[in-house]
Amino acid sequence: MKPISGIRRANLIYLLETRFEGNQTQMAKALGSLPNLISRWTRDKPMGSAAARNIERVLKLEDYWLDNDRDNVPLVAQDVEISDVVSHNLRVWMDKSEDLKTQGKVHRASGVNQSTVGRVLNKEIDPTISTVNSIAKAFGRNGYELMIPNSDPRQIQYDRDRYEKLDQADKEKIASFIEFVLSQAQKESDQ
């Protein structure tokens, strides 16, 4: 997996070449920056999060555009509504849970109004990040997991509760095995 600095550098170079014909002075002017800073970001200086978010805002890119590794991520074929994804994932989580099978139980565990939980399930609203985080936390999960489309081919299905109970050595074995399988697949595709 590439470090975030490498991903941002590659995306900045892509923007430089496609939007500014490789002209760092033009890019710097558009960003209200100095050309030598653009030059350093494209060579060796890591770009911080504040600078990345500012570039995305000024160039009217979607949030965290610079943080997406476009070399290793297949494009999603269809546009997906966040309300559809969150509703589907929440329903699946509720169905699999022993303790949080009803809207009332999710409400009590998360602190989110029961009517809001119902509106999320019925795709009547796009929930706020705070709502998503609170609901996910009730399930012992992270908010972003509730927003990942089920059809995303980058998803690995596993029992997160059992994984969480593993000691660090076992977690490292799993990470090592995943890296081994990925490297073997890369070697095979390179041949």
N, C-alpha and C. Protein backbone atom coordinates (compact mmCIF):
# COMPACT_ATOMS: atom_id res chain seq x y z
N MET A 1 0.84 -1.17 0.00
CA MET A 1 0.00 0.00 0.00
C MET A 1 0.89 1.24 0.00
N LYS A 2 0.58 2.18 -0.87
CA LYS A 2 1.37 3.40 -0.96
C LYS A 2 1.13 4.29 0.26
N PRO A 3 2.16 5.02 0.68
CA PRO A 3 1.94 6.00 1.74
C PRO A 3 1.11 7.16 1.19
N ILE A 4 0.40 7.85 2.06
CA ILE A 4 -0.46 8.95 1.64
C ILE A 4 0.33 10.04 0.92
N SER A 5 1.59 10.25 1.33
CA SER A 5 2.40 11.28 0.66
C SER A 5 2.63 10.92 -0.81
N GLY A 6 2.84 9.64 -1.10
CA GLY A 6 3.03 9.20 -2.48
C GLY A 6 1.76 9.31 -3.30
N ILE A 7 0.63 9.01 -2.68
CA ILE A 7 -0.66 9.11 -3.37
C ILE A 7 -0.94 10.56 -3.71
N ARG A 8 -0.76 11.45 -2.73
CA ARG A 8 -1.01 12.88 -2.98
C ARG A 8 -0.06 13.41 -4.05
N ARG A 9 1.20 12.99 -4.01
CA ARG A 9 2.17 13.45 -5.01
C ARG A 9 1.75 13.01 -6.41
N ALA A 10 1.36 11.75 -6.57
CA ALA A 10 0.94 11.24 -7.87
C ALA A 10 -0.30 11.99 -8.38
N ASN A 11 -1.24 12.26 -7.49
CA ASN A 11 -2.45 12.97 -7.91
C ASN A 11 -2.17 14.43 -8.24
N LEU A 12 -1.26 15.05 -7.50
CA LEU A 12 -0.88 16.43 -7.80
C LEU A 12 -0.20 16.50 -9.17
N ILE A 13 0.68 15.56 -9.46
CA ILE A 13 1.35 15.52 -10.76
C ILE A 13 0.32 15.32 -11.87
N TYR A 14 -0.66 14.45 -11.63
CA TYR A 14 -1.73 14.24 -12.60
C TYR A 14 -2.47 15.55 -12.87
N LEU A 15 -2.82 16.28 -11.82
CA LEU A 15 -3.50 17.56 -11.98
C LEU A 15 -2.63 18.56 -12.72
N LEU A 16 -1.36 18.59 -12.35
CA LEU A 16 -0.41 19.50 -12.99
C LEU A 16 -0.36 19.25 -14.49
N GLU A 17 -0.29 17.98 -14.87
CA GLU A 17 -0.18 17.63 -16.29
C GLU A 17 -1.49 17.82 -17.05
N THR A 18 -2.62 17.46 -16.44
CA THR A 18 -3.89 17.49 -17.17
C THR A 18 -4.57 18.85 -17.15
N ARG A 19 -4.42 19.59 -16.07
CA ARG A 19 -5.10 20.89 -15.98
C ARG A 19 -4.21 22.08 -16.29
N PHE A 20 -2.90 21.89 -16.09
CA PHE A 20 -2.00 23.03 -16.24
C PHE A 20 -0.87 22.75 -17.23
N GLU A 21 -1.03 21.72 -18.04
CA GLU A 21 -0.06 21.37 -19.08
C GLU A 21 1.36 21.30 -18.55
N GLY A 22 1.51 20.87 -17.30
CA GLY A 22 2.83 20.73 -16.70
C GLY A 22 3.45 22.02 -16.21
N ASN A 23 2.72 23.12 -16.29
CA ASN A 23 3.26 24.43 -15.93
C ASN A 23 3.03 24.69 -14.43
N GLN A 24 4.10 24.59 -13.65
CA GLN A 24 3.99 24.77 -12.21
C GLN A 24 3.63 26.21 -11.84
N THR A 25 4.07 27.16 -12.62
CA THR A 25 3.75 28.57 -12.35
C THR A 25 2.26 28.80 -12.49
N GLN A 26 1.65 28.25 -13.53
CA GLN A 26 0.21 28.40 -13.71
C GLN A 26 -0.56 27.73 -12.56
N MET A 27 -0.11 26.55 -12.18
CA MET A 27 -0.78 25.86 -11.08
C MET A 27 -0.64 26.66 -9.79
N ALA A 28 0.55 27.15 -9.50
CA ALA A 28 0.78 27.94 -8.29
C ALA A 28 -0.11 29.18 -8.27
N LYS A 29 -0.23 29.84 -9.42
CA LYS A 29 -1.07 31.03 -9.52
C LYS A 29 -2.53 30.67 -9.23
N ALA A 30 -3.01 29.58 -9.81
CA ALA A 30 -4.39 29.15 -9.60
C ALA A 30 -4.64 28.82 -8.13
N LEU A 31 -3.62 28.29 -7.46
CA LEU A 31 -3.77 27.88 -6.06
C LEU A 31 -3.42 29.00 -5.08
N GLY A 32 -2.89 30.11 -5.60
CA GLY A 32 -2.46 31.19 -4.71
C GLY A 32 -1.24 30.77 -3.92
N SER A 33 -0.35 30.04 -4.57
CA SER A 33 0.82 29.48 -3.91
C SER A 33 2.08 29.91 -4.66
N LEU A 34 3.22 29.44 -4.19
CA LEU A 34 4.48 29.72 -4.85
C LEU A 34 4.88 28.55 -5.73
N PRO A 35 5.45 28.82 -6.92
CA PRO A 35 5.86 27.73 -7.82
C PRO A 35 6.86 26.77 -7.19
N ASN A 36 7.76 27.29 -6.34
CA ASN A 36 8.74 26.37 -5.74
C ASN A 36 8.08 25.38 -4.78
N LEU A 37 6.92 25.74 -4.18
CA LEU A 37 6.22 24.81 -3.31
C LEU A 37 5.60 23.68 -4.15
N ILE A 38 5.04 24.04 -5.29
CA ILE A 38 4.50 23.02 -6.21
C ILE A 38 5.61 22.08 -6.63
N SER A 39 6.76 22.65 -6.98
CA SER A 39 7.91 21.85 -7.39
C SER A 39 8.33 20.89 -6.28
N ARG A 40 8.39 21.38 -5.05
CA ARG A 40 8.80 20.53 -3.93
C ARG A 40 7.78 19.43 -3.67
N TRP A 41 6.48 19.76 -3.78
CA TRP A 41 5.44 18.73 -3.57
C TRP A 41 5.53 17.64 -4.62
N THR A 42 5.91 17.99 -5.84
CA THR A 42 5.98 16.98 -6.90
C THR A 42 7.27 16.16 -6.82
N ARG A 43 8.23 16.59 -6.01
CA ARG A 43 9.48 15.86 -5.89
C ARG A 43 9.63 15.15 -4.56
N ASP A 44 9.75 15.92 -3.46
CA ASP A 44 10.14 15.26 -2.21
C ASP A 44 9.42 15.75 -0.96
N LYS A 45 8.75 16.87 -1.02
CA LYS A 45 8.09 17.41 0.18
C LYS A 45 6.71 16.80 0.35
N PRO A 46 6.45 16.15 1.49
CA PRO A 46 5.09 15.62 1.73
C PRO A 46 4.09 16.77 1.85
N MET A 47 2.92 16.56 1.28
CA MET A 47 1.85 17.55 1.34
C MET A 47 0.98 17.23 2.55
N GLY A 48 0.76 18.21 3.40
CA GLY A 48 -0.08 18.02 4.57
C GLY A 48 -1.56 17.98 4.22
N SER A 49 -2.36 17.54 5.17
CA SER A 49 -3.80 17.44 4.96
C SER A 49 -4.44 18.79 4.69
N ALA A 50 -4.02 19.83 5.43
CA ALA A 50 -4.62 21.16 5.23
C ALA A 50 -4.35 21.66 3.81
N ALA A 51 -3.14 21.46 3.32
CA ALA A 51 -2.82 21.87 1.96
C ALA A 51 -3.62 21.07 0.94
N ALA A 52 -3.76 19.76 1.16
CA ALA A 52 -4.52 18.91 0.25
C ALA A 52 -5.97 19.35 0.19
N ARG A 53 -6.58 19.62 1.37
CA ARG A 53 -7.98 20.03 1.39
C ARG A 53 -8.15 21.39 0.70
N ASN A 54 -7.16 22.29 0.87
CA ASN A 54 -7.23 23.60 0.22
C ASN A 54 -7.16 23.46 -1.30
N ILE A 55 -6.25 22.62 -1.79
CA ILE A 55 -6.14 22.40 -3.24
C ILE A 55 -7.45 21.84 -3.79
N GLU A 56 -8.04 20.88 -3.08
CA GLU A 56 -9.33 20.30 -3.52
C GLU A 56 -10.42 21.37 -3.57
N ARG A 57 -10.42 22.24 -2.56
CA ARG A 57 -11.44 23.30 -2.52
C ARG A 57 -11.24 24.29 -3.67
N VAL A 58 -10.02 24.75 -3.85
CA VAL A 58 -9.74 25.75 -4.89
C VAL A 58 -9.99 25.20 -6.29
N LEU A 59 -9.60 23.94 -6.52
CA LEU A 59 -9.78 23.34 -7.85
C LEU A 59 -11.14 22.66 -8.01
N LYS A 60 -11.99 22.83 -6.99
CA LYS A 60 -13.36 22.29 -7.03
C LYS A 60 -13.38 20.77 -7.26
N LEU A 61 -12.53 20.09 -6.51
CA LEU A 61 -12.49 18.63 -6.54
C LEU A 61 -13.33 18.11 -5.38
N GLU A 62 -13.76 16.85 -5.47
CA GLU A 62 -14.49 16.29 -4.35
C GLU A 62 -13.57 16.16 -3.15
N ASP A 63 -14.16 16.16 -1.96
CA ASP A 63 -13.36 16.03 -0.74
C ASP A 63 -12.51 14.76 -0.78
N TYR A 64 -11.27 14.89 -0.37
CA TYR A 64 -10.30 13.80 -0.28
C TYR A 64 -9.93 13.21 -1.64
N TRP A 65 -10.14 13.97 -2.70
CA TRP A 65 -9.77 13.52 -4.04
C TRP A 65 -8.27 13.21 -4.10
N LEU A 66 -7.46 14.06 -3.49
CA LEU A 66 -6.01 13.86 -3.53
C LEU A 66 -5.55 12.64 -2.75
N ASP A 67 -6.41 12.12 -1.87
CA ASP A 67 -6.02 10.99 -1.02
C ASP A 67 -6.38 9.63 -1.62
N ASN A 68 -7.00 9.60 -2.78
CA ASN A 68 -7.42 8.34 -3.40
C ASN A 68 -6.35 7.81 -4.34
N ASP A 69 -5.96 6.57 -4.11
CA ASP A 69 -4.94 5.92 -4.94
C ASP A 69 -5.59 5.42 -6.22
N ARG A 70 -5.50 6.19 -7.26
CA ARG A 70 -6.15 5.87 -8.53
C ARG A 70 -5.44 4.75 -9.29
N ASP A 71 -4.22 4.44 -8.92
CA ASP A 71 -3.49 3.36 -9.61
C ASP A 71 -3.99 1.98 -9.20
N ASN A 72 -4.49 1.86 -7.98
CA ASN A 72 -4.85 0.54 -7.46
C ASN A 72 -6.32 0.37 -7.12
N VAL A 73 -7.16 1.31 -7.55
CA VAL A 73 -8.56 1.23 -7.21
C VAL A 73 -9.39 1.22 -8.49
N PRO A 74 -10.17 0.16 -8.69
CA PRO A 74 -11.03 0.16 -9.87
C PRO A 74 -12.11 1.22 -9.73
N LEU A 75 -12.46 1.84 -10.83
CA LEU A 75 -13.51 2.84 -10.79
C LEU A 75 -14.85 2.17 -10.53
N VAL A 76 -15.67 2.82 -9.74
CA VAL A 76 -17.01 2.30 -9.48
C VAL A 76 -17.86 2.62 -10.70
N ALA A 77 -18.52 1.61 -11.21
CA ALA A 77 -19.26 1.75 -12.47
C ALA A 77 -20.47 2.66 -12.34
N GLN A 78 -21.17 2.58 -11.23
CA GLN A 78 -22.38 3.36 -11.11
C GLN A 78 -22.27 4.36 -9.98
N ASP A 79 -23.07 5.42 -10.09
CA ASP A 79 -23.14 6.41 -9.04
C ASP A 79 -24.05 5.85 -7.95
N VAL A 80 -23.64 5.96 -6.71
CA VAL A 80 -24.38 5.34 -5.62
C VAL A 80 -24.87 6.42 -4.67
N GLU A 81 -26.14 6.33 -4.28
CA GLU A 81 -26.70 7.25 -3.31
C GLU A 81 -26.29 6.82 -1.91
N ILE A 82 -25.80 7.76 -1.12
CA ILE A 82 -25.34 7.42 0.23
C ILE A 82 -26.48 6.88 1.08
N SER A 83 -27.69 7.41 0.89
CA SER A 83 -28.82 6.92 1.69
C SER A 83 -29.09 5.45 1.40
N ASP A 84 -28.92 5.01 0.15
CA ASP A 84 -29.11 3.61 -0.20
C ASP A 84 -28.08 2.72 0.49
N VAL A 85 -26.83 3.17 0.46
CA VAL A 85 -25.74 2.38 1.04
C VAL A 85 -25.90 2.26 2.55
N VAL A 86 -26.13 3.40 3.21
CA VAL A 86 -26.24 3.38 4.67
C VAL A 86 -27.45 2.57 5.10
N SER A 87 -28.57 2.74 4.41
CA SER A 87 -29.77 1.98 4.74
C SER A 87 -29.53 0.48 4.61
N HIS A 88 -28.94 0.08 3.49
CA HIS A 88 -28.68 -1.35 3.26
C HIS A 88 -27.74 -1.91 4.32
N ASN A 89 -26.63 -1.22 4.56
CA ASN A 89 -25.65 -1.72 5.53
C ASN A 89 -26.22 -1.77 6.94
N LEU A 90 -26.99 -0.75 7.32
CA LEU A 90 -27.58 -0.75 8.65
C LEU A 90 -28.55 -1.92 8.79
N ARG A 91 -29.35 -2.18 7.76
CA ARG A 91 -30.28 -3.31 7.81
C ARG A 91 -29.52 -4.64 7.98
N VAL A 92 -28.43 -4.79 7.23
CA VAL A 92 -27.61 -6.01 7.34
C VAL A 92 -27.03 -6.13 8.75
N TRP A 93 -26.49 -5.05 9.28
CA TRP A 93 -25.92 -5.08 10.62
C TRP A 93 -26.97 -5.45 11.65
N MET A 94 -28.16 -4.85 11.52
CA MET A 94 -29.23 -5.15 12.48
C MET A 94 -29.64 -6.62 12.39
N ASP A 95 -29.76 -7.13 11.17
CA ASP A 95 -30.15 -8.53 10.98
C ASP A 95 -29.14 -9.50 11.59
N LYS A 96 -27.86 -9.15 11.54
CA LYS A 96 -26.81 -10.03 12.05
C LYS A 96 -26.57 -9.87 13.55
N SER A 97 -27.09 -8.79 14.11
CA SER A 97 -26.84 -8.51 15.52
C SER A 97 -27.82 -9.25 16.42
N GLU A 98 -27.31 -9.72 17.54
CA GLU A 98 -28.17 -10.35 18.54
C GLU A 98 -28.86 -9.28 19.40
N ASP A 99 -28.16 -8.16 19.62
CA ASP A 99 -28.63 -7.15 20.56
C ASP A 99 -29.30 -5.94 19.92
N LEU A 100 -29.08 -5.71 18.65
CA LEU A 100 -29.55 -4.47 18.01
C LEU A 100 -30.45 -4.77 16.80
N LYS A 101 -31.46 -5.57 17.00
CA LYS A 101 -32.32 -5.99 15.89
C LYS A 101 -33.45 -5.02 15.58
N THR A 102 -33.73 -4.07 16.49
CA THR A 102 -34.86 -3.15 16.27
C THR A 102 -34.37 -1.71 16.27
N GLN A 103 -35.21 -0.83 15.72
CA GLN A 103 -34.88 0.60 15.70
C GLN A 103 -34.74 1.14 17.12
N GLY A 104 -35.61 0.67 18.01
CA GLY A 104 -35.56 1.12 19.40
C GLY A 104 -34.25 0.75 20.08
N LYS A 105 -33.78 -0.46 19.82
CA LYS A 105 -32.53 -0.91 20.44
C LYS A 105 -31.34 -0.13 19.84
N VAL A 106 -31.38 0.14 18.55
CA VAL A 106 -30.31 0.94 17.92
C VAL A 106 -30.35 2.35 18.51
N HIS A 107 -31.54 2.90 18.68
CA HIS A 107 -31.71 4.24 19.27
C HIS A 107 -31.08 4.29 20.67
N ARG A 108 -31.42 3.32 21.52
CA ARG A 108 -30.90 3.32 22.89
C ARG A 108 -29.38 3.14 22.93
N ALA A 109 -28.85 2.31 22.05
CA ALA A 109 -27.41 2.04 22.06
C ALA A 109 -26.60 3.18 21.44
N SER A 110 -27.20 3.90 20.49
CA SER A 110 -26.45 4.92 19.76
C SER A 110 -26.73 6.35 20.23
N GLY A 111 -27.89 6.55 20.85
CA GLY A 111 -28.26 7.91 21.23
C GLY A 111 -28.90 8.69 20.08
N VAL A 112 -29.08 8.04 18.93
CA VAL A 112 -29.73 8.67 17.77
C VAL A 112 -31.23 8.46 17.92
N ASN A 113 -32.02 9.51 17.68
CA ASN A 113 -33.48 9.40 17.80
C ASN A 113 -33.99 8.20 17.01
N GLN A 114 -34.98 7.52 17.59
CA GLN A 114 -35.54 6.35 16.91
C GLN A 114 -36.15 6.75 15.57
N SER A 115 -36.76 7.92 15.50
CA SER A 115 -37.35 8.36 14.22
C SER A 115 -36.26 8.57 13.17
N THR A 116 -35.09 9.04 13.60
CA THR A 116 -33.98 9.23 12.67
C THR A 116 -33.47 7.88 12.19
N VAL A 117 -33.37 6.91 13.09
CA VAL A 117 -32.96 5.56 12.69
C VAL A 117 -33.94 5.03 11.64
N GLY A 118 -35.22 5.22 11.87
CA GLY A 118 -36.23 4.78 10.90
C GLY A 118 -36.11 5.49 9.57
N ARG A 119 -35.85 6.78 9.60
CA ARG A 119 -35.70 7.55 8.35
C ARG A 119 -34.45 7.10 7.58
N VAL A 120 -33.39 6.76 8.31
CA VAL A 120 -32.19 6.23 7.66
C VAL A 120 -32.52 4.90 6.98
N LEU A 121 -33.19 4.02 7.72
CA LEU A 121 -33.55 2.70 7.16
C LEU A 121 -34.47 2.82 5.95
N ASN A 122 -35.35 3.82 5.96
CA ASN A 122 -36.31 4.01 4.87
C ASN A 122 -35.77 4.90 3.75
N LYS A 123 -34.49 5.26 3.83
CA LYS A 123 -33.82 6.07 2.80
C LYS A 123 -34.49 7.44 2.62
N GLU A 124 -35.01 7.98 3.70
CA GLU A 124 -35.69 9.27 3.64
C GLU A 124 -34.73 10.43 3.84
N ILE A 125 -33.54 10.14 4.36
CA ILE A 125 -32.55 11.19 4.60
C ILE A 125 -31.16 10.67 4.25
N ASP A 126 -30.28 11.62 3.97
CA ASP A 126 -28.85 11.32 3.93
C ASP A 126 -28.34 11.67 5.33
N PRO A 127 -27.96 10.67 6.11
CA PRO A 127 -27.59 10.95 7.50
C PRO A 127 -26.33 11.78 7.60
N THR A 128 -26.25 12.53 8.69
CA THR A 128 -25.04 13.31 8.94
C THR A 128 -23.91 12.38 9.36
N ILE A 129 -22.70 12.88 9.29
CA ILE A 129 -21.54 12.10 9.72
C ILE A 129 -21.68 11.74 11.20
N SER A 130 -22.17 12.67 11.99
CA SER A 130 -22.36 12.42 13.41
C SER A 130 -23.33 11.26 13.64
N THR A 131 -24.43 11.24 12.89
CA THR A 131 -25.41 10.15 13.01
C THR A 131 -24.78 8.83 12.60
N VAL A 132 -24.07 8.83 11.47
CA VAL A 132 -23.43 7.60 10.99
C VAL A 132 -22.43 7.08 12.02
N ASN A 133 -21.61 7.98 12.56
CA ASN A 133 -20.62 7.57 13.56
C ASN A 133 -21.28 7.01 14.82
N SER A 134 -22.34 7.66 15.27
CA SER A 134 -23.02 7.19 16.48
C SER A 134 -23.65 5.82 16.28
N ILE A 135 -24.30 5.62 15.15
CA ILE A 135 -24.91 4.32 14.87
C ILE A 135 -23.84 3.24 14.76
N ALA A 136 -22.79 3.53 14.01
CA ALA A 136 -21.72 2.54 13.83
C ALA A 136 -21.07 2.19 15.17
N LYS A 137 -20.85 3.19 16.00
CA LYS A 137 -20.23 2.96 17.31
C LYS A 137 -21.07 2.01 18.16
N ALA A 138 -22.40 2.10 18.03
CA ALA A 138 -23.27 1.20 18.79
C ALA A 138 -23.03 -0.25 18.39
N PHE A 139 -22.59 -0.48 17.15
CA PHE A 139 -22.30 -1.83 16.66
C PHE A 139 -20.83 -2.20 16.86
N GLY A 140 -20.07 -1.30 17.49
CA GLY A 140 -18.64 -1.55 17.67
C GLY A 140 -17.86 -1.39 16.39
N ARG A 141 -18.37 -0.57 15.49
CA ARG A 141 -17.75 -0.38 14.17
C ARG A 141 -17.40 1.09 13.98
N ASN A 142 -16.76 1.39 12.86
CA ASN A 142 -16.42 2.76 12.49
C ASN A 142 -17.45 3.29 11.50
N GLY A 143 -17.69 4.60 11.56
CA GLY A 143 -18.69 5.22 10.69
C GLY A 143 -18.47 4.97 9.22
N TYR A 144 -17.22 5.01 8.78
CA TYR A 144 -16.97 4.83 7.35
C TYR A 144 -17.44 3.47 6.85
N GLU A 145 -17.42 2.46 7.73
CA GLU A 145 -17.84 1.13 7.30
C GLU A 145 -19.32 1.09 6.92
N LEU A 146 -20.11 1.96 7.54
CA LEU A 146 -21.53 2.01 7.24
C LEU A 146 -21.78 2.64 5.87
N MET A 147 -20.77 3.36 5.34
CA MET A 147 -20.93 4.06 4.07
C MET A 147 -20.24 3.39 2.89
N ILE A 148 -19.69 2.21 3.08
CA ILE A 148 -19.02 1.50 2.00
C ILE A 148 -20.04 0.64 1.26
N PRO A 149 -20.19 0.85 -0.03
CA PRO A 149 -21.14 0.02 -0.79
C PRO A 149 -20.81 -1.46 -0.66
N ASN A 150 -21.82 -2.26 -0.47
CA ASN A 150 -21.65 -3.70 -0.32
C ASN A 150 -20.99 -4.31 -1.55
N SER A 151 -21.24 -3.73 -2.70
CA SER A 151 -20.69 -4.26 -3.95
C SER A 151 -19.25 -3.82 -4.19
N ASP A 152 -18.67 -3.07 -3.27
CA ASP A 152 -17.30 -2.59 -3.45
C ASP A 152 -16.35 -3.79 -3.45
N PRO A 153 -15.65 -4.03 -4.57
CA PRO A 153 -14.79 -5.21 -4.66
C PRO A 153 -13.56 -5.15 -3.75
N ARG A 154 -13.31 -4.00 -3.12
CA ARG A 154 -12.17 -3.87 -2.23
C ARG A 154 -12.48 -4.34 -0.82
N GLN A 155 -13.73 -4.68 -0.55
CA GLN A 155 -14.15 -5.11 0.77
C GLN A 155 -13.70 -6.54 1.08
N ILE A 156 -13.23 -6.75 2.26
CA ILE A 156 -12.91 -8.09 2.76
C ILE A 156 -13.96 -8.41 3.81
N GLN A 157 -14.63 -9.53 3.63
CA GLN A 157 -15.67 -9.94 4.58
C GLN A 157 -15.03 -10.78 5.69
N TYR A 158 -15.21 -10.38 6.92
CA TYR A 158 -14.71 -11.14 8.06
C TYR A 158 -15.50 -10.75 9.30
N ASP A 159 -15.41 -11.56 10.32
CA ASP A 159 -16.11 -11.32 11.57
C ASP A 159 -15.28 -10.33 12.39
N ARG A 160 -15.69 -9.07 12.38
CA ARG A 160 -14.92 -8.03 13.04
C ARG A 160 -14.88 -8.20 14.56
N ASP A 161 -15.95 -8.75 15.12
CA ASP A 161 -15.96 -8.96 16.58
C ASP A 161 -14.90 -9.98 16.98
N ARG A 162 -14.80 -11.07 16.24
CA ARG A 162 -13.78 -12.08 16.54
C ARG A 162 -12.38 -11.53 16.27
N TYR A 163 -12.22 -10.76 15.21
CA TYR A 163 -10.92 -10.17 14.90
C TYR A 163 -10.47 -9.24 16.03
N GLU A 164 -11.39 -8.45 16.54
CA GLU A 164 -11.05 -7.50 17.59
C GLU A 164 -10.52 -8.20 18.84
N LYS A 165 -10.98 -9.41 19.10
CA LYS A 165 -10.58 -10.15 20.30
C LYS A 165 -9.20 -10.80 20.15
N LEU A 166 -8.66 -10.84 18.94
CA LEU A 166 -7.35 -11.44 18.72
C LEU A 166 -6.26 -10.61 19.38
N ASP A 167 -5.17 -11.26 19.76
CA ASP A 167 -4.05 -10.48 20.27
C ASP A 167 -3.29 -9.87 19.09
N GLN A 168 -2.42 -8.93 19.38
CA GLN A 168 -1.72 -8.19 18.33
C GLN A 168 -0.89 -9.10 17.43
N ALA A 169 -0.30 -10.14 17.99
CA ALA A 169 0.53 -11.06 17.18
C ALA A 169 -0.32 -11.75 16.11
N ASP A 170 -1.53 -12.17 16.48
CA ASP A 170 -2.41 -12.82 15.50
C ASP A 170 -2.88 -11.82 14.44
N LYS A 171 -3.14 -10.59 14.84
CA LYS A 171 -3.54 -9.56 13.87
C LYS A 171 -2.41 -9.30 12.88
N GLU A 172 -1.18 -9.31 13.38
CA GLU A 172 -0.03 -9.11 12.50
C GLU A 172 0.15 -10.29 11.55
N LYS A 173 -0.17 -11.51 12.00
CA LYS A 173 -0.12 -12.68 11.11
C LYS A 173 -1.11 -12.53 9.97
N ILE A 174 -2.31 -12.06 10.30
CA ILE A 174 -3.33 -11.86 9.27
C ILE A 174 -2.87 -10.82 8.26
N ALA A 175 -2.35 -9.70 8.76
CA ALA A 175 -1.87 -8.64 7.86
C ALA A 175 -0.73 -9.17 6.99
N SER A 176 0.15 -9.96 7.56
CA SER A 176 1.26 -10.53 6.82
C SER A 176 0.76 -11.50 5.74
N PHE A 177 -0.23 -12.31 6.09
CA PHE A 177 -0.78 -13.25 5.11
C PHE A 177 -1.44 -12.51 3.96
N ILE A 178 -2.20 -11.47 4.27
CA ILE A 178 -2.84 -10.68 3.21
C ILE A 178 -1.78 -10.09 2.29
N GLU A 179 -0.74 -9.54 2.87
CA GLU A 179 0.34 -8.95 2.06
C GLU A 179 1.02 -10.02 1.20
N PHE A 180 1.22 -11.21 1.76
CA PHE A 180 1.83 -12.31 1.02
C PHE A 180 0.97 -12.68 -0.19
N VAL A 181 -0.33 -12.85 0.02
CA VAL A 181 -1.24 -13.22 -1.08
C VAL A 181 -1.25 -12.13 -2.15
N LEU A 182 -1.29 -10.87 -1.73
CA LEU A 182 -1.27 -9.77 -2.70
C LEU A 182 0.03 -9.75 -3.50
N SER A 183 1.15 -9.98 -2.83
CA SER A 183 2.44 -9.96 -3.54
C SER A 183 2.54 -11.14 -4.51
N GLN A 184 2.02 -12.31 -4.12
CA GLN A 184 2.02 -13.47 -5.02
C GLN A 184 1.15 -13.20 -6.25
N ALA A 185 0.01 -12.60 -6.03
CA ALA A 185 -0.88 -12.28 -7.16
C ALA A 185 -0.21 -11.26 -8.08
N GLN A 186 0.52 -10.30 -7.49
CA GLN A 186 1.21 -9.30 -8.30
C GLN A 186 2.32 -9.96 -9.14
N LYS A 187 3.06 -10.90 -8.53
CA LYS A 187 4.12 -11.61 -9.24
C LYS A 187 3.53 -12.39 -10.43
N GLU A 188 2.39 -13.04 -10.20
CA GLU A 188 1.75 -13.81 -11.26
C GLU A 188 1.25 -12.92 -12.39
N SER A 189 0.74 -11.76 -12.03
CA SER A 189 0.22 -10.86 -13.08
C SER A 189 1.36 -10.19 -13.86
N ASP A 190 2.54 -10.07 -13.22
CA ASP A 190 3.70 -9.47 -13.89
C ASP A 190 4.35 -10.44 -14.88
N GLN A 191 4.04 -11.74 -14.74
CA GLN A 191 4.70 -12.73 -15.61
C GLN A 191 3.98 -12.85 -16.93
